[in-house]
Amino acid sequence: MCIGKNGDGYQSKSVGGSGSHVAPALWGANSYNNGAGMNRLLTSAAFIHSNMPLGTGWNHPAVSNEDTYDVAAYLSSKERPQMSGLKKDYPKLEIKAVDCPYPPYADDFS
């Protein structure tokens, strides 16, 4: 209901204007970039668990933990704008967040 079929969110329509976002785009050209906090699995899963579907209260989650991580992983797999300079984001790779989805990494795992 909120993200639309193509992940482009939902905008209210105003007379003579383009409208404002009621729900932001979650993937695609108008979404957050790959360096944003919401592109991290743990961050997006926490948000999803506490806020979705629309109208859910943080203290009464409607989605199971497993489903929450599945939805977060699905969203993270989608194309989004690419932020430049991400190699400089974590100067000390050994303290880089475990769920950070972009290189470089401190280890050599695939």
PDB file of N, CA and C in Angstrom:
ATOM      1  N   MET A   1       0.820  -1.190   0.000  1.00  0.00           N
ATOM      2  CA  MET A   1       0.000   0.000   0.000  1.00  0.00           C
ATOM      3  C   MET A   1       0.868   1.260   0.000  1.00  0.00           C
ATOM      4  N   CYS A   2       1.942   1.262   0.750  1.00  0.00           N
ATOM      5  CA  CYS A   2       2.748   2.476   0.881  1.00  0.00           C
ATOM      6  C   CYS A   2       3.852   2.595  -0.157  1.00  0.00           C
ATOM      7  N   ILE A   3       4.492   1.480  -0.478  1.00  0.00           N
ATOM      8  CA  ILE A   3       5.659   1.579  -1.357  1.00  0.00           C
ATOM      9  C   ILE A   3       5.301   1.479  -2.829  1.00  0.00           C
ATOM     10  N   GLY A   4       4.113   1.025  -3.141  1.00  0.00           N
ATOM     11  CA  GLY A   4       3.708   0.886  -4.534  1.00  0.00           C
ATOM     12  C   GLY A   4       4.310  -0.354  -5.174  1.00  0.00           C
ATOM     13  N   LYS A   5       3.883  -0.655  -6.367  1.00  0.00           N
ATOM     14  CA  LYS A   5       4.343  -1.847  -7.076  1.00  0.00           C
ATOM     15  C   LYS A   5       5.822  -1.797  -7.416  1.00  0.00           C
ATOM     16  N   ASN A   6       6.344  -0.614  -7.661  1.00  0.00           N
ATOM     17  CA  ASN A   6       7.725  -0.467  -8.102  1.00  0.00           C
ATOM     18  C   ASN A   6       8.631   0.145  -7.040  1.00  0.00           C
ATOM     19  N   GLY A   7       8.195   0.150  -5.796  1.00  0.00           N
ATOM     20  CA  GLY A   7       9.016   0.689  -4.717  1.00  0.00           C
ATOM     21  C   GLY A   7       9.170   2.185  -4.736  1.00  0.00           C
ATOM     22  N   ASP A   8       8.306   2.883  -5.485  1.00  0.00           N
ATOM     23  CA  ASP A   8       8.467   4.317  -5.655  1.00  0.00           C
ATOM     24  C   ASP A   8       7.711   5.164  -4.643  1.00  0.00           C
ATOM     25  N   GLY A   9       7.180   4.529  -3.610  1.00  0.00           N
ATOM     26  CA  GLY A   9       6.528   5.276  -2.549  1.00  0.00           C
ATOM     27  C   GLY A   9       5.143   5.746  -2.921  1.00  0.00           C
ATOM     28  N   TYR A  10       4.673   6.689  -2.156  1.00  0.00           N
ATOM     29  CA  TYR A  10       3.326   7.207  -2.340  1.00  0.00           C
ATOM     30  C   TYR A  10       3.371   8.702  -2.127  1.00  0.00           C
ATOM     31  N   GLN A  11       2.822   9.455  -3.062  1.00  0.00           N
ATOM     32  CA  GLN A  11       2.777  10.900  -2.959  1.00  0.00           C
ATOM     33  C   GLN A  11       1.343  11.360  -2.889  1.00  0.00           C
ATOM     34  N   SER A  12       1.105  12.383  -2.059  1.00  0.00           N
ATOM     35  CA  SER A  12      -0.207  13.015  -2.063  1.00  0.00           C
ATOM     36  C   SER A  12      -0.235  13.961  -3.251  1.00  0.00           C
ATOM     37  N   LYS A  13      -1.350  14.112  -3.852  1.00  0.00           N
ATOM     38  CA  LYS A  13      -1.472  14.985  -5.023  1.00  0.00           C
ATOM     39  C   LYS A  13      -2.040  16.329  -4.583  1.00  0.00           C
ATOM     40  N   SER A  14      -1.360  17.380  -4.988  1.00  0.00           N
ATOM     41  CA  SER A  14      -1.859  18.721  -4.697  1.00  0.00           C
ATOM     42  C   SER A  14      -2.245  19.383  -6.012  1.00  0.00           C
ATOM     43  N   VAL A  15      -3.196  20.274  -5.946  1.00  0.00           N
ATOM     44  CA  VAL A  15      -3.659  20.957  -7.146  1.00  0.00           C
ATOM     45  C   VAL A  15      -2.523  21.807  -7.708  1.00  0.00           C
ATOM     46  N   GLY A  16      -2.157  21.544  -8.952  1.00  0.00           N
ATOM     47  CA  GLY A  16      -1.125  22.320  -9.614  1.00  0.00           C
ATOM     48  C   GLY A  16       0.290  22.013  -9.168  1.00  0.00           C
ATOM     49  N   GLY A  17       0.467  21.033  -8.302  1.00  0.00           N
ATOM     50  CA  GLY A  17       1.805  20.698  -7.815  1.00  0.00           C
ATOM     51  C   GLY A  17       2.117  19.231  -7.977  1.00  0.00           C
ATOM     52  N   SER A  18       3.302  18.871  -7.598  1.00  0.00           N
ATOM     53  CA  SER A  18       3.715  17.479  -7.745  1.00  0.00           C
ATOM     54  C   SER A  18       3.347  16.637  -6.534  1.00  0.00           C
ATOM     55  N   GLY A  19       2.959  17.266  -5.432  1.00  0.00           N
ATOM     56  CA  GLY A  19       2.602  16.525  -4.236  1.00  0.00           C
ATOM     57  C   GLY A  19       3.788  16.325  -3.327  1.00  0.00           C
ATOM     58  N   SER A  20       3.537  15.783  -2.165  1.00  0.00           N
ATOM     59  CA  SER A  20       4.619  15.510  -1.219  1.00  0.00           C
ATOM     60  C   SER A  20       4.592  14.034  -0.858  1.00  0.00           C
ATOM     61  N   HIS A  21       5.735  13.518  -0.484  1.00  0.00           N
ATOM     62  CA  HIS A  21       5.821  12.095  -0.162  1.00  0.00           C
ATOM     63  C   HIS A  21       5.106  11.783   1.147  1.00  0.00           C
ATOM     64  N   VAL A  22       4.194  10.857   1.083  1.00  0.00           N
ATOM     65  CA  VAL A  22       3.552  10.311   2.272  1.00  0.00           C
ATOM     66  C   VAL A  22       4.391   9.125   2.731  1.00  0.00           C
ATOM     67  N   ALA A  23       4.851   8.333   1.776  1.00  0.00           N
ATOM     68  CA  ALA A  23       5.774   7.222   2.018  1.00  0.00           C
ATOM     69  C   ALA A  23       6.876   7.340   0.974  1.00  0.00           C
ATOM     70  N   PRO A  24       8.130   7.382   1.411  1.00  0.00           N
ATOM     71  CA  PRO A  24       9.229   7.582   0.454  1.00  0.00           C
ATOM     72  C   PRO A  24       9.495   6.342  -0.398  1.00  0.00           C
ATOM     73  N   ALA A  25      10.192   6.569  -1.495  1.00  0.00           N
ATOM     74  CA  ALA A  25      10.603   5.452  -2.360  1.00  0.00           C
ATOM     75  C   ALA A  25      11.609   4.589  -1.614  1.00  0.00           C
ATOM     76  N   LEU A  26      11.485   3.274  -1.746  1.00  0.00           N
ATOM     77  CA  LEU A  26      12.393   2.348  -1.068  1.00  0.00           C
ATOM     78  C   LEU A  26      13.409   1.721  -1.999  1.00  0.00           C
ATOM     79  N   TRP A  27      13.249   1.891  -3.288  1.00  0.00           N
ATOM     80  CA  TRP A  27      14.280   1.535  -4.251  1.00  0.00           C
ATOM     81  C   TRP A  27      14.026   2.351  -5.502  1.00  0.00           C
ATOM     82  N   GLY A  28      14.989   2.309  -6.391  1.00  0.00           N
ATOM     83  CA  GLY A  28      14.877   3.074  -7.621  1.00  0.00           C
ATOM     84  C   GLY A  28      15.574   4.420  -7.524  1.00  0.00           C
ATOM     85  N   ALA A  29      15.474   5.186  -8.580  1.00  0.00           N
ATOM     86  CA  ALA A  29      16.203   6.451  -8.720  1.00  0.00           C
ATOM     87  C   ALA A  29      15.877   7.480  -7.643  1.00  0.00           C
ATOM     88  N   ASN A  30      14.677   7.449  -7.080  1.00  0.00           N
ATOM     89  CA  ASN A  30      14.279   8.453  -6.085  1.00  0.00           C
ATOM     90  C   ASN A  30      14.393   7.970  -4.645  1.00  0.00           C
ATOM     91  N   SER A  31      15.038   6.840  -4.442  1.00  0.00           N
ATOM     92  CA  SER A  31      15.160   6.292  -3.079  1.00  0.00           C
ATOM     93  C   SER A  31      16.450   6.758  -2.422  1.00  0.00           C
ATOM     94  N   TYR A  32      16.655   6.304  -1.206  1.00  0.00           N
ATOM     95  CA  TYR A  32      17.903   6.588  -0.500  1.00  0.00           C
ATOM     96  C   TYR A  32      19.055   5.890  -1.219  1.00  0.00           C
ATOM     97  N   ASN A  33      20.277   6.403  -1.040  1.00  0.00           N
ATOM     98  CA  ASN A  33      21.424   5.822  -1.756  1.00  0.00           C
ATOM     99  C   ASN A  33      22.020   4.643  -0.989  1.00  0.00           C
ATOM    100  N   ASN A  34      22.968   3.974  -1.614  1.00  0.00           N
ATOM    101  CA  ASN A  34      23.550   2.762  -1.025  1.00  0.00           C
ATOM    102  C   ASN A  34      24.407   3.049   0.212  1.00  0.00           C
ATOM    103  N   GLY A  35      24.715   4.307   0.498  1.00  0.00           N
ATOM    104  CA  GLY A  35      25.477   4.652   1.692  1.00  0.00           C
ATOM    105  C   GLY A  35      24.602   5.065   2.865  1.00  0.00           C
ATOM    106  N   ALA A  36      23.303   5.120   2.668  1.00  0.00           N
ATOM    107  CA  ALA A  36      22.374   5.545   3.729  1.00  0.00           C
ATOM    108  C   ALA A  36      22.220   4.466   4.799  1.00  0.00           C
ATOM    109  N   GLY A  37      21.899   4.879   5.994  1.00  0.00           N
ATOM    110  CA  GLY A  37      21.689   3.938   7.093  1.00  0.00           C
ATOM    111  C   GLY A  37      20.603   2.920   6.810  1.00  0.00           C
ATOM    112  N   MET A  38      19.556   3.321   6.090  1.00  0.00           N
ATOM    113  CA  MET A  38      18.471   2.385   5.776  1.00  0.00           C
ATOM    114  C   MET A  38      18.914   1.286   4.818  1.00  0.00           C
ATOM    115  N   ASN A  39      20.065   1.413   4.223  1.00  0.00           N
ATOM    116  CA  ASN A  39      20.561   0.345   3.364  1.00  0.00           C
ATOM    117  C   ASN A  39      21.269  -0.742   4.172  1.00  0.00           C
ATOM    118  N   ARG A  40      21.428  -0.514   5.465  1.00  0.00           N
ATOM    119  CA  ARG A  40      22.000  -1.540   6.350  1.00  0.00           C
ATOM    120  C   ARG A  40      20.880  -2.458   6.820  1.00  0.00           C
ATOM    121  N   LEU A  41      21.123  -3.742   6.784  1.00  0.00           N
ATOM    122  CA  LEU A  41      20.106  -4.735   7.101  1.00  0.00           C
ATOM    123  C   LEU A  41      19.525  -4.564   8.509  1.00  0.00           C
ATOM    124  N   LEU A  42      20.373  -4.382   9.507  1.00  0.00           N
ATOM    125  CA  LEU A  42      19.879  -4.281  10.882  1.00  0.00           C
ATOM    126  C   LEU A  42      19.057  -3.010  11.102  1.00  0.00           C
ATOM    127  N   THR A  43      19.456  -1.927  10.472  1.00  0.00           N
ATOM    128  CA  THR A  43      18.717  -0.662  10.595  1.00  0.00           C
ATOM    129  C   THR A  43      17.351  -0.769   9.937  1.00  0.00           C
ATOM    130  N   SER A  44      17.323  -1.275   8.705  1.00  0.00           N
ATOM    131  CA  SER A  44      16.039  -1.376   8.015  1.00  0.00           C
ATOM    132  C   SER A  44      15.129  -2.407   8.684  1.00  0.00           C
ATOM    133  N   ALA A  45      15.690  -3.498   9.174  1.00  0.00           N
ATOM    134  CA  ALA A  45      14.869  -4.508   9.855  1.00  0.00           C
ATOM    135  C   ALA A  45      14.229  -3.932  11.113  1.00  0.00           C
ATOM    136  N   ALA A  46      14.969  -3.151  11.871  1.00  0.00           N
ATOM    137  CA  ALA A  46      14.412  -2.541  13.084  1.00  0.00           C
ATOM    138  C   ALA A  46      13.276  -1.588  12.725  1.00  0.00           C
ATOM    139  N   PHE A  47      13.462  -0.793  11.680  1.00  0.00           N
ATOM    140  CA  PHE A  47      12.413   0.135  11.247  1.00  0.00           C
ATOM    141  C   PHE A  47      11.172  -0.626  10.785  1.00  0.00           C
ATOM    142  N   ILE A  48      11.367  -1.634   9.958  1.00  0.00           N
ATOM    143  CA  ILE A  48      10.253  -2.428   9.443  1.00  0.00           C
ATOM    144  C   ILE A  48       9.475  -3.076  10.583  1.00  0.00           C
ATOM    145  N   HIS A  49      10.195  -3.664  11.518  1.00  0.00           N
ATOM    146  CA  HIS A  49       9.548  -4.371  12.628  1.00  0.00           C
ATOM    147  C   HIS A  49       8.688  -3.432  13.477  1.00  0.00           C
ATOM    148  N   SER A  50       9.142  -2.198  13.636  1.00  0.00           N
ATOM    149  CA  SER A  50       8.446  -1.250  14.511  1.00  0.00           C
ATOM    150  C   SER A  50       7.392  -0.405  13.805  1.00  0.00           C
ATOM    151  N   ASN A  51       7.395  -0.383  12.475  1.00  0.00           N
ATOM    152  CA  ASN A  51       6.535   0.571  11.774  1.00  0.00           C
ATOM    153  C   ASN A  51       5.680   0.020  10.651  1.00  0.00           C
ATOM    154  N   MET A  52       5.844  -1.244  10.299  1.00  0.00           N
ATOM    155  CA  MET A  52       5.096  -1.767   9.162  1.00  0.00           C
ATOM    156  C   MET A  52       4.237  -2.952   9.554  1.00  0.00           C
ATOM    157  N   PRO A  53       3.105  -3.083   8.933  1.00  0.00           N
ATOM    158  CA  PRO A  53       2.531  -2.213   7.923  1.00  0.00           C
ATOM    159  C   PRO A  53       2.103  -0.871   8.511  1.00  0.00           C
ATOM    160  N   LEU A  54       1.739   0.052   7.636  1.00  0.00           N
ATOM    161  CA  LEU A  54       1.360   1.398   8.033  1.00  0.00           C
ATOM    162  C   LEU A  54       0.356   1.362   9.183  1.00  0.00           C
ATOM    163  N   GLY A  55       0.632   2.129  10.211  1.00  0.00           N
ATOM    164  CA  GLY A  55      -0.247   2.196  11.372  1.00  0.00           C
ATOM    165  C   GLY A  55       0.188   1.316  12.527  1.00  0.00           C
ATOM    166  N   THR A  56       1.205   0.492  12.316  1.00  0.00           N
ATOM    167  CA  THR A  56       1.705  -0.388  13.369  1.00  0.00           C
ATOM    168  C   THR A  56       2.440   0.432  14.416  1.00  0.00           C
ATOM    169  N   GLY A  57       2.187   0.157  15.674  1.00  0.00           N
ATOM    170  CA  GLY A  57       2.905   0.814  16.764  1.00  0.00           C
ATOM    171  C   GLY A  57       4.172   0.041  17.097  1.00  0.00           C
ATOM    172  N   TRP A  58       5.215   0.744  17.465  1.00  0.00           N
ATOM    173  CA  TRP A  58       6.496   0.093  17.758  1.00  0.00           C
ATOM    174  C   TRP A  58       6.374  -0.948  18.863  1.00  0.00           C
ATOM    175  N   ASN A  59       5.432  -0.747  19.773  1.00  0.00           N
ATOM    176  CA  ASN A  59       5.293  -1.657  20.905  1.00  0.00           C
ATOM    177  C   ASN A  59       4.336  -2.823  20.629  1.00  0.00           C
ATOM    178  N   HIS A  60       3.757  -2.876  19.434  1.00  0.00           N
ATOM    179  CA  HIS A  60       2.884  -3.986  19.038  1.00  0.00           C
ATOM    180  C   HIS A  60       3.197  -4.395  17.603  1.00  0.00           C
ATOM    181  N   PRO A  61       4.382  -4.958  17.364  1.00  0.00           N
ATOM    182  CA  PRO A  61       4.768  -5.309  15.992  1.00  0.00           C
ATOM    183  C   PRO A  61       3.800  -6.308  15.369  1.00  0.00           C
ATOM    184  N   ALA A  62       3.584  -6.140  14.062  1.00  0.00           N
ATOM    185  CA  ALA A  62       2.655  -6.995  13.334  1.00  0.00           C
ATOM    186  C   ALA A  62       3.371  -8.010  12.446  1.00  0.00           C
ATOM    187  N   VAL A  63       4.691  -7.876  12.322  1.00  0.00           N
ATOM    188  CA  VAL A  63       5.478  -8.744  11.448  1.00  0.00           C
ATOM    189  C   VAL A  63       6.458  -9.538  12.311  1.00  0.00           C
ATOM    190  N   SER A  64       6.600 -10.818  12.028  1.00  0.00           N
ATOM    191  CA  SER A  64       7.527 -11.652  12.799  1.00  0.00           C
ATOM    192  C   SER A  64       8.965 -11.209  12.555  1.00  0.00           C
ATOM    193  N   ASN A  65       9.863 -11.585  13.452  1.00  0.00           N
ATOM    194  CA  ASN A  65      11.281 -11.257  13.276  1.00  0.00           C
ATOM    195  C   ASN A  65      11.817 -11.831  11.964  1.00  0.00           C
ATOM    196  N   GLU A  66      11.488 -13.081  11.677  1.00  0.00           N
ATOM    197  CA  GLU A  66      11.974 -13.726  10.452  1.00  0.00           C
ATOM    198  C   GLU A  66      11.477 -12.985   9.207  1.00  0.00           C
ATOM    199  N   ASP A  67      10.188 -12.658   9.175  1.00  0.00           N
ATOM    200  CA  ASP A  67       9.637 -11.936   8.029  1.00  0.00           C
ATOM    201  C   ASP A  67      10.249 -10.544   7.910  1.00  0.00           C
ATOM    202  N   THR A  68      10.522  -9.924   9.044  1.00  0.00           N
ATOM    203  CA  THR A  68      11.144  -8.606   9.046  1.00  0.00           C
ATOM    204  C   THR A  68      12.496  -8.643   8.345  1.00  0.00           C
ATOM    205  N   TYR A  69      13.327  -9.623   8.672  1.00  0.00           N
ATOM    206  CA  TYR A  69      14.640  -9.736   8.033  1.00  0.00           C
ATOM    207  C   TYR A  69      14.515 -10.091   6.557  1.00  0.00           C
ATOM    208  N   ASP A  70      13.519 -10.902   6.204  1.00  0.00           N
ATOM    209  CA  ASP A  70      13.302 -11.228   4.796  1.00  0.00           C
ATOM    210  C   ASP A  70      12.938  -9.978   3.992  1.00  0.00           C
ATOM    211  N   VAL A  71      12.053  -9.155   4.535  1.00  0.00           N
ATOM    212  CA  VAL A  71      11.656  -7.913   3.853  1.00  0.00           C
ATOM    213  C   VAL A  71      12.851  -6.967   3.753  1.00  0.00           C
ATOM    214  N   ALA A  72      13.617  -6.829   4.826  1.00  0.00           N
ATOM    215  CA  ALA A  72      14.794  -5.948   4.818  1.00  0.00           C
ATOM    216  C   ALA A  72      15.811  -6.415   3.771  1.00  0.00           C
ATOM    217  N   ALA A  73      16.038  -7.712   3.692  1.00  0.00           N
ATOM    218  CA  ALA A  73      16.977  -8.244   2.702  1.00  0.00           C
ATOM    219  C   ALA A  73      16.460  -8.002   1.283  1.00  0.00           C
ATOM    220  N   TYR A  74      15.166  -8.168   1.094  1.00  0.00           N
ATOM    221  CA  TYR A  74      14.569  -7.909  -0.224  1.00  0.00           C
ATOM    222  C   TYR A  74      14.783  -6.450  -0.624  1.00  0.00           C
ATOM    223  N   LEU A  75      14.503  -5.531   0.280  1.00  0.00           N
ATOM    224  CA  LEU A  75      14.688  -4.110  -0.025  1.00  0.00           C
ATOM    225  C   LEU A  75      16.149  -3.802  -0.328  1.00  0.00           C
ATOM    226  N   SER A  76      17.052  -4.389   0.423  1.00  0.00           N
ATOM    227  CA  SER A  76      18.482  -4.151   0.220  1.00  0.00           C
ATOM    228  C   SER A  76      18.985  -4.705  -1.111  1.00  0.00           C
ATOM    229  N   SER A  77      18.269  -5.653  -1.670  1.00  0.00           N
ATOM    230  CA  SER A  77      18.701  -6.252  -2.937  1.00  0.00           C
ATOM    231  C   SER A  77      18.324  -5.403  -4.147  1.00  0.00           C
ATOM    232  N   LYS A  78      17.506  -4.410  -3.946  1.00  0.00           N
ATOM    233  CA  LYS A  78      17.010  -3.596  -5.049  1.00  0.00           C
ATOM    234  C   LYS A  78      18.016  -2.509  -5.450  1.00  0.00           C
ATOM    235  N   GLU A  79      17.912  -2.074  -6.700  1.00  0.00           N
ATOM    236  CA  GLU A  79      18.781  -1.009  -7.210  1.00  0.00           C
ATOM    237  C   GLU A  79      18.422   0.322  -6.568  1.00  0.00           C
ATOM    238  N   ARG A  80      19.458   1.104  -6.300  1.00  0.00           N
ATOM    239  CA  ARG A  80      19.261   2.437  -5.728  1.00  0.00           C
ATOM    240  C   ARG A  80      20.415   3.329  -6.147  1.00  0.00           C
ATOM    241  N   PRO A  81      20.305   4.624  -5.947  1.00  0.00           N
ATOM    242  CA  PRO A  81      21.412   5.513  -6.307  1.00  0.00           C
ATOM    243  C   PRO A  81      22.697   5.127  -5.580  1.00  0.00           C
ATOM    244  N   GLN A  82      23.815   5.311  -6.277  1.00  0.00           N
ATOM    245  CA  GLN A  82      25.128   4.961  -5.729  1.00  0.00           C
ATOM    246  C   GLN A  82      25.825   6.218  -5.215  1.00  0.00           C
ATOM    247  N   MET A  83      26.265   6.171  -3.994  1.00  0.00           N
ATOM    248  CA  MET A  83      26.979   7.290  -3.384  1.00  0.00           C
ATOM    249  C   MET A  83      28.473   7.135  -3.671  1.00  0.00           C
ATOM    250  N   SER A  84      29.113   8.205  -4.033  1.00  0.00           N
ATOM    251  CA  SER A  84      30.554   8.141  -4.292  1.00  0.00           C
ATOM    252  C   SER A  84      31.322   8.324  -2.979  1.00  0.00           C
ATOM    253  N   GLY A  85      32.552   7.870  -2.955  1.00  0.00           N
ATOM    254  CA  GLY A  85      33.422   8.072  -1.797  1.00  0.00           C
ATOM    255  C   GLY A  85      33.185   7.149  -0.621  1.00  0.00           C
ATOM    256  N   LEU A  86      32.501   6.043  -0.830  1.00  0.00           N
ATOM    257  CA  LEU A  86      32.185   5.144   0.292  1.00  0.00           C
ATOM    258  C   LEU A  86      33.426   4.476   0.886  1.00  0.00           C
ATOM    259  N   LYS A  87      34.502   4.406   0.120  1.00  0.00           N
ATOM    260  CA  LYS A  87      35.729   3.798   0.648  1.00  0.00           C
ATOM    261  C   LYS A  87      36.264   4.577   1.841  1.00  0.00           C
ATOM    262  N   LYS A  88      35.890   5.845   1.949  1.00  0.00           N
ATOM    263  CA  LYS A  88      36.360   6.700   3.037  1.00  0.00           C
ATOM    264  C   LYS A  88      35.416   6.677   4.245  1.00  0.00           C
ATOM    265  N   ASP A  89      34.303   5.995   4.109  1.00  0.00           N
ATOM    266  CA  ASP A  89      33.287   5.967   5.174  1.00  0.00           C
ATOM    267  C   ASP A  89      33.817   5.396   6.493  1.00  0.00           C
ATOM    268  N   TYR A  90      34.582   4.356   6.403  1.00  0.00           N
ATOM    269  CA  TYR A  90      35.121   3.682   7.585  1.00  0.00           C
ATOM    270  C   TYR A  90      36.640   3.607   7.466  1.00  0.00           C
ATOM    271  N   PRO A  91      37.361   4.633   7.956  1.00  0.00           N
ATOM    272  CA  PRO A  91      38.825   4.612   7.868  1.00  0.00           C
ATOM    273  C   PRO A  91      39.443   3.421   8.605  1.00  0.00           C
ATOM    274  N   LYS A  92      38.798   2.962   9.674  1.00  0.00           N
ATOM    275  CA  LYS A  92      39.270   1.796  10.423  1.00  0.00           C
ATOM    276  C   LYS A  92      38.303   0.643  10.129  1.00  0.00           C
ATOM    277  N   LEU A  93      38.682  -0.183   9.175  1.00  0.00           N
ATOM    278  CA  LEU A  93      37.787  -1.251   8.723  1.00  0.00           C
ATOM    279  C   LEU A  93      37.439  -2.241   9.822  1.00  0.00           C
ATOM    280  N   GLU A  94      38.292  -2.390  10.811  1.00  0.00           N
ATOM    281  CA  GLU A  94      38.004  -3.358  11.884  1.00  0.00           C
ATOM    282  C   GLU A  94      36.830  -2.918  12.769  1.00  0.00           C
ATOM    283  N   ILE A  95      36.391  -1.667  12.686  1.00  0.00           N
ATOM    284  CA  ILE A  95      35.229  -1.230  13.463  1.00  0.00           C
ATOM    285  C   ILE A  95      34.024  -0.946  12.566  1.00  0.00           C
ATOM    286  N   LYS A  96      34.129  -1.336  11.299  1.00  0.00           N
ATOM    287  CA  LYS A  96      33.025  -1.147  10.362  1.00  0.00           C
ATOM    288  C   LYS A  96      31.843  -2.023  10.784  1.00  0.00           C
ATOM    289  N   ALA A  97      30.648  -1.478  10.662  1.00  0.00           N
ATOM    290  CA  ALA A  97      29.440  -2.212  11.051  1.00  0.00           C
ATOM    291  C   ALA A  97      29.338  -3.535  10.291  1.00  0.00           C
ATOM    292  N   VAL A  98      28.951  -4.579  10.989  1.00  0.00           N
ATOM    293  CA  VAL A  98      28.904  -5.922  10.426  1.00  0.00           C
ATOM    294  C   VAL A  98      27.901  -6.029   9.274  1.00  0.00           C
ATOM    295  N   ASP A  99      26.881  -5.191   9.270  1.00  0.00           N
ATOM    296  CA  ASP A  99      25.864  -5.265   8.219  1.00  0.00           C
ATOM    297  C   ASP A  99      26.042  -4.205   7.135  1.00  0.00           C
ATOM    298  N   CYS A 100      27.178  -3.571   7.100  1.00  0.00           N
ATOM    299  CA  CYS A 100      27.444  -2.565   6.071  1.00  0.00           C
ATOM    300  C   CYS A 100      27.604  -3.278   4.727  1.00  0.00           C
ATOM    301  N   PRO A 101      26.768  -2.942   3.736  1.00  0.00           N
ATOM    302  CA  PRO A 101      26.699  -3.748   2.520  1.00  0.00           C
ATOM    303  C   PRO A 101      27.674  -3.404   1.401  1.00  0.00           C
ATOM    304  N   TYR A 102      28.642  -2.553   1.653  1.00  0.00           N
ATOM    305  CA  TYR A 102      29.548  -2.181   0.569  1.00  0.00           C
ATOM    306  C   TYR A 102      31.003  -2.296   1.012  1.00  0.00           C
ATOM    307  N   PRO A 103      31.901  -2.551   0.050  1.00  0.00           N
ATOM    308  CA  PRO A 103      33.328  -2.676   0.371  1.00  0.00           C
ATOM    309  C   PRO A 103      33.957  -1.305   0.599  1.00  0.00           C
ATOM    310  N   PRO A 104      35.155  -1.275   1.103  1.00  0.00           N
ATOM    311  CA  PRO A 104      36.037  -2.388   1.403  1.00  0.00           C
ATOM    312  C   PRO A 104      35.687  -3.020   2.755  1.00  0.00           C
ATOM    313  N   TYR A 105      36.126  -4.244   2.921  1.00  0.00           N
ATOM    314  CA  TYR A 105      35.884  -5.001   4.154  1.00  0.00           C
ATOM    315  C   TYR A 105      37.222  -5.304   4.835  1.00  0.00           C
ATOM    316  N   ALA A 106      37.175  -5.560   6.131  1.00  0.00           N
ATOM    317  CA  ALA A 106      38.392  -5.841   6.898  1.00  0.00           C
ATOM    318  C   ALA A 106      38.873  -7.268   6.652  1.00  0.00           C
ATOM    319  N   ASP A 107      37.998  -8.150   6.198  1.00  0.00           N
ATOM    320  CA  ASP A 107      38.388  -9.546   5.960  1.00  0.00           C
ATOM    321  C   ASP A 107      38.410  -9.823   4.453  1.00  0.00           C
ATOM    322  N   ASP A 108      38.755 -11.022   4.101  1.00  0.00           N
ATOM    323  CA  ASP A 108      38.792 -11.368   2.681  1.00  0.00           C
ATOM    324  C   ASP A 108      37.734 -12.409   2.293  1.00  0.00           C
ATOM    325  N   PHE A 109      36.642 -12.449   3.073  1.00  0.00           N
ATOM    326  CA  PHE A 109      35.541 -13.362   2.744  1.00  0.00           C
ATOM    327  C   PHE A 109      34.880 -12.895   1.452  1.00  0.00           C
ATOM    328  N   SER A 110      34.333 -13.823   0.703  1.00  0.00           N
ATOM    329  CA  SER A 110      33.639 -13.454  -0.527  1.00  0.00           C
ATOM    330  C   SER A 110      32.284 -12.826  -0.184  1.00  0.00           C
TER     331      SER A 110
END
